[in-house]
Each structure stands twice: as structure tokens, then as C-alpha cells.
Amino acid sequence: MIYSIDVEITAPVKGTEVTGRVEDAVTNLFPEAEVESRPGELLATCHSMERFSERLHEQAILDTARGAFFGGQDGDTFAFDLKKQAALRGVINFAVGGDSELGDIHVRVRVNEPDVESFVDHIAPETEDGRPVE
């Protein structure tokens, strides 16, 4: 199956932060992202979440990811926030509640083909006893 998605990633850059480190936090999880620096924030776009999916599997947090994705679903899009410090280490840590001190990375995914549920099943499959269900 071919998936067609548009991923938009925004991250605030506080005055105390180095822009390059915030960019590293984004590209550690989305290496194919094209990053543009704007005053006080980074904007990145890409059309793949393969590396992100690999990390979800490696960290064994597929159920957590599914909850975040479906919890942030609105029609053909889903959105979620990630902790910037964890992302800098290449680790996925979903942000819940209020923004952290440095602000969180916001990810918005529009699924053009086929649909949100099928795409989420692809990148974060359902699990049974912690293992992906084939």
C-alpha cells in the first residue's frame, strides 16, 4: 500500500536555546524533514514517518502512540506534541498536559491516502501482549 501524507512540524525556539539543537531534535525523529527557521520557531515539513515508526517499535510504545494519534484526530488529520529534550536524544516522549518550559514540538499529519486509521495501523500497529499484531 502507498501512503500519501503531509507532515508539518513546528517547534518554538526560546531565546536561551540554540536553533541548531532544536533543529537536531526535529531531524532526529524526522530525518527527511525540510527545516525552515523563522523568528522564534522552526517549521519543518516531510512526507514520511518511517524513522518515527521505527523508533516507536524500538521503544515499544505502540499503544501509547496509537492513543496519542487517535486522541488528536480531527477528520483526515491527527496531531500530537513531543518533548523537545527527549527528541534531541532521538527518543520519542509524548507531551501531555501543558507545554514544557522550552515548549513542545507540535506535529500535524494530514493523511491524503488511504485514511487516518490505515496509516496509524501502518506506523503504530495494534499490539497484543506488547507485540504488534500481524
C-alpha atoms as a PDB file:
ATOM      1  CA  MET A   1       0.000   0.000   0.000  1.00  0.00           C
ATOM      2  CA  ILE A   2       1.204   3.504  -0.795  1.00  0.00           C
ATOM      3  CA  TYR A   3       0.617   6.139   1.852  1.00  0.00           C
ATOM      4  CA  SER A   4       0.316   9.810   0.987  1.00  0.00           C
ATOM      5  CA  ILE A   5       0.822  12.126   3.949  1.00  0.00           C
ATOM      6  CA  ASP A   6       1.830  15.707   4.653  1.00  0.00           C
ATOM      7  CA  VAL A   7       3.620  16.220   7.962  1.00  0.00           C
ATOM      8  CA  GLU A   8       4.013  19.709   9.419  1.00  0.00           C
ATOM      9  CA  ILE A   9       6.257  20.122  12.442  1.00  0.00           C
ATOM     10  CA  THR A  10       6.613  23.317  14.460  1.00  0.00           C
ATOM     11  CA  ALA A  11       8.897  23.930  17.391  1.00  0.00           C
ATOM     12  CA  PRO A  12       9.396  27.097  19.396  1.00  0.00           C
ATOM     13  CA  VAL A  13      12.955  28.353  19.744  1.00  0.00           C
ATOM     14  CA  LYS A  14      13.357  30.212  23.025  1.00  0.00           C
ATOM     15  CA  GLY A  15      15.959  32.945  23.434  1.00  0.00           C
ATOM     16  CA  THR A  16      18.062  30.641  25.619  1.00  0.00           C
ATOM     17  CA  GLU A  17      18.141  27.852  23.013  1.00  0.00           C
ATOM     18  CA  VAL A  18      20.475  27.224  20.110  1.00  0.00           C
ATOM     19  CA  THR A  19      18.434  26.969  16.900  1.00  0.00           C
ATOM     20  CA  GLY A  20      20.650  24.152  15.591  1.00  0.00           C
ATOM     21  CA  ARG A  21      19.900  21.992  18.622  1.00  0.00           C
ATOM     22  CA  VAL A  22      16.148  22.461  18.174  1.00  0.00           C
ATOM     23  CA  GLU A  23      16.598  21.531  14.503  1.00  0.00           C
ATOM     24  CA  ASP A  24      18.525  18.416  15.603  1.00  0.00           C
ATOM     25  CA  ALA A  25      15.623  17.479  17.908  1.00  0.00           C
ATOM     26  CA  VAL A  26      13.256  17.598  14.930  1.00  0.00           C
ATOM     27  CA  THR A  27      15.518  15.821  12.430  1.00  0.00           C
ATOM     28  CA  ASN A  28      16.464  13.081  14.915  1.00  0.00           C
ATOM     29  CA  LEU A  29      12.867  11.841  14.680  1.00  0.00           C
ATOM     30  CA  PHE A  30      12.052  13.100  11.168  1.00  0.00           C
ATOM     31  CA  PRO A  31      15.373  12.892   9.258  1.00  0.00           C
ATOM     32  CA  GLU A  32      13.780  13.617   5.888  1.00  0.00           C
ATOM     33  CA  ALA A  33      12.183  16.874   7.107  1.00  0.00           C
ATOM     34  CA  GLU A  34      12.993  20.121   5.345  1.00  0.00           C
ATOM     35  CA  VAL A  35      13.503  22.663   8.114  1.00  0.00           C
ATOM     36  CA  GLU A  36      12.994  26.402   7.828  1.00  0.00           C
ATOM     37  CA  SER A  37      13.974  28.790  10.591  1.00  0.00           C
ATOM     38  CA  ARG A  38      11.611  31.637  11.447  1.00  0.00           C
ATOM     39  CA  PRO A  39      11.887  34.196  14.231  1.00  0.00           C
ATOM     40  CA  GLY A  40      11.197  32.278  17.442  1.00  0.00           C
ATOM     41  CA  GLU A  41      10.318  28.967  15.790  1.00  0.00           C
ATOM     42  CA  LEU A  42      11.224  26.243  13.348  1.00  0.00           C
ATOM     43  CA  LEU A  43       8.857  24.956  10.703  1.00  0.00           C
ATOM     44  CA  ALA A  44       9.573  21.600   9.096  1.00  0.00           C
ATOM     45  CA  THR A  45       7.716  19.546   6.519  1.00  0.00           C
ATOM     46  CA  CYS A  46       8.061  15.998   5.247  1.00  0.00           C
ATOM     47  CA  HIS A  47       6.057  13.207   3.675  1.00  0.00           C
ATOM     48  CA  SER A  48       7.267  10.196   5.647  1.00  0.00           C
ATOM     49  CA  MET A  49       7.152   8.926   9.216  1.00  0.00           C
ATOM     50  CA  GLU A  50       9.222   5.773   8.666  1.00  0.00           C
ATOM     51  CA  ARG A  51      12.031   6.683  11.097  1.00  0.00           C
ATOM     52  CA  PHE A  52       9.450   7.817  13.633  1.00  0.00           C
ATOM     53  CA  SER A  53       7.672   4.463  13.257  1.00  0.00           C
ATOM     54  CA  GLU A  54      10.977   2.598  13.710  1.00  0.00           C
ATOM     55  CA  ARG A  55      11.571   4.451  16.983  1.00  0.00           C
ATOM     56  CA  LEU A  56       8.028   3.639  18.194  1.00  0.00           C
ATOM     57  CA  HIS A  57       8.758  -0.057  17.609  1.00  0.00           C
ATOM     58  CA  GLU A  58      12.238   0.125  19.189  1.00  0.00           C
ATOM     59  CA  GLN A  59      10.882   1.904  22.267  1.00  0.00           C
ATOM     60  CA  ALA A  60       7.881  -0.479  22.423  1.00  0.00           C
ATOM     61  CA  ILE A  61       5.402   2.379  22.816  1.00  0.00           C
ATOM     62  CA  LEU A  62       2.962   1.486  20.037  1.00  0.00           C
ATOM     63  CA  ASP A  63      -0.135   1.557  22.273  1.00  0.00           C
ATOM     64  CA  THR A  64       0.856   4.934  23.706  1.00  0.00           C
ATOM     65  CA  ALA A  65       1.384   6.270  20.185  1.00  0.00           C
ATOM     66  CA  ARG A  66      -1.985   4.969  18.986  1.00  0.00           C
ATOM     67  CA  GLY A  67      -3.667   6.697  21.921  1.00  0.00           C
ATOM     68  CA  ALA A  68      -1.915   9.974  21.126  1.00  0.00           C
ATOM     69  CA  PHE A  69      -2.676   9.739  17.407  1.00  0.00           C
ATOM     70  CA  PHE A  70      -6.359   8.843  17.731  1.00  0.00           C
ATOM     71  CA  GLY A  71      -6.765  11.279  20.640  1.00  0.00           C
ATOM     72  CA  GLY A  72      -5.572  14.069  18.363  1.00  0.00           C
ATOM     73  CA  GLN A  73      -7.562  13.020  15.296  1.00  0.00           C
ATOM     74  CA  ASP A  74      -9.750  15.538  13.522  1.00  0.00           C
ATOM     75  CA  GLY A  75     -11.110  14.255  10.219  1.00  0.00           C
ATOM     76  CA  ASP A  76      -8.230  13.384   7.881  1.00  0.00           C
ATOM     77  CA  THR A  77      -5.582  14.786  10.247  1.00  0.00           C
ATOM     78  CA  PHE A  78      -4.092  13.888  13.590  1.00  0.00           C
ATOM     79  CA  ALA A  79      -1.816  15.951  15.801  1.00  0.00           C
ATOM     80  CA  PHE A  80       0.394  15.321  18.803  1.00  0.00           C
ATOM     81  CA  ASP A  81       3.128  17.002  20.819  1.00  0.00           C
ATOM     82  CA  LEU A  82       6.592  15.727  21.681  1.00  0.00           C
ATOM     83  CA  LYS A  83       9.067  16.691  24.386  1.00  0.00           C
ATOM     84  CA  LYS A  84      11.930  18.611  22.821  1.00  0.00           C
ATOM     85  CA  GLN A  85      14.648  17.406  25.223  1.00  0.00           C
ATOM     86  CA  ALA A  86      13.845  13.735  24.588  1.00  0.00           C
ATOM     87  CA  ALA A  87      13.731  14.318  20.818  1.00  0.00           C
ATOM     88  CA  LEU A  88      17.223  15.821  20.994  1.00  0.00           C
ATOM     89  CA  ARG A  89      18.378  12.376  22.209  1.00  0.00           C
ATOM     90  CA  GLY A  90      16.367  10.628  19.456  1.00  0.00           C
ATOM     91  CA  VAL A  91      13.761   9.454  21.953  1.00  0.00           C
ATOM     92  CA  ILE A  92      10.006   9.791  21.472  1.00  0.00           C
ATOM     93  CA  ASN A  93       8.270  11.168  24.555  1.00  0.00           C
ATOM     94  CA  PHE A  94       4.708  12.351  24.020  1.00  0.00           C
ATOM     95  CA  ALA A  95       3.882  15.609  25.767  1.00  0.00           C
ATOM     96  CA  VAL A  96       0.631  15.637  27.691  1.00  0.00           C
ATOM     97  CA  GLY A  97      -0.867  18.488  29.650  1.00  0.00           C
ATOM     98  CA  GLY A  98       0.645  21.966  29.396  1.00  0.00           C
ATOM     99  CA  ASP A  99       3.695  22.980  27.410  1.00  0.00           C
ATOM    100  CA  SER A 100       7.065  22.257  28.943  1.00  0.00           C
ATOM    101  CA  GLU A 101       9.344  25.131  29.896  1.00  0.00           C
ATOM    102  CA  LEU A 102      11.057  25.203  26.490  1.00  0.00           C
ATOM    103  CA  GLY A 103       7.878  24.426  24.580  1.00  0.00           C
ATOM    104  CA  ASP A 104       6.992  21.216  22.822  1.00  0.00           C
ATOM    105  CA  ILE A 105       7.396  20.034  19.253  1.00  0.00           C
ATOM    106  CA  HIS A 106       3.975  20.060  17.592  1.00  0.00           C
ATOM    107  CA  VAL A 107       3.344  17.546  14.803  1.00  0.00           C
ATOM    108  CA  ARG A 108       0.323  17.662  12.499  1.00  0.00           C
ATOM    109  CA  VAL A 109      -0.210  14.868   9.973  1.00  0.00           C
ATOM    110  CA  ARG A 110      -2.698  15.073   7.110  1.00  0.00           C
ATOM    111  CA  VAL A 111      -3.410  11.671   5.578  1.00  0.00           C
ATOM    112  CA  ASN A 112      -4.333  12.011   1.910  1.00  0.00           C
ATOM    113  CA  GLU A 113      -4.329   8.281   1.060  1.00  0.00           C
ATOM    114  CA  PRO A 114      -5.790   5.998   2.236  1.00  0.00           C
ATOM    115  CA  ASP A 115      -7.207   7.162   5.626  1.00  0.00           C
ATOM    116  CA  VAL A 116      -6.028   8.006   9.152  1.00  0.00           C
ATOM    117  CA  GLU A 117      -6.858   4.633  10.684  1.00  0.00           C
ATOM    118  CA  SER A 118      -5.000   2.658   7.988  1.00  0.00           C
ATOM    119  CA  PHE A 119      -1.952   4.921   8.243  1.00  0.00           C
ATOM    120  CA  VAL A 120      -1.861   4.700  12.053  1.00  0.00           C
ATOM    121  CA  ASP A 121      -2.145   0.901  11.763  1.00  0.00           C
ATOM    122  CA  HIS A 122       0.890   1.054   9.449  1.00  0.00           C
ATOM    123  CA  ILE A 123       3.179   3.164  11.648  1.00  0.00           C
ATOM    124  CA  ALA A 124       1.902   2.001  15.053  1.00  0.00           C
ATOM    125  CA  PRO A 125       0.101  -1.341  14.678  1.00  0.00           C
ATOM    126  CA  GLU A 126      -2.205  -2.727  17.312  1.00  0.00           C
ATOM    127  CA  THR A 127      -0.465  -4.930  19.861  1.00  0.00           C
ATOM    128  CA  GLU A 128      -1.242  -7.993  21.890  1.00  0.00           C
ATOM    129  CA  ASP A 129       0.900  -8.662  24.962  1.00  0.00           C
ATOM    130  CA  GLY A 130       3.107  -5.785  23.821  1.00  0.00           C
ATOM    131  CA  ARG A 131       3.839  -7.251  20.393  1.00  0.00           C
ATOM    132  CA  PRO A 132       2.461  -5.967  17.075  1.00  0.00           C
ATOM    133  CA  VAL A 133      -0.484  -7.987  15.762  1.00  0.00           C
ATOM    134  CA  GLU A 134       0.126  -9.127  12.180  1.00  0.00           C
END
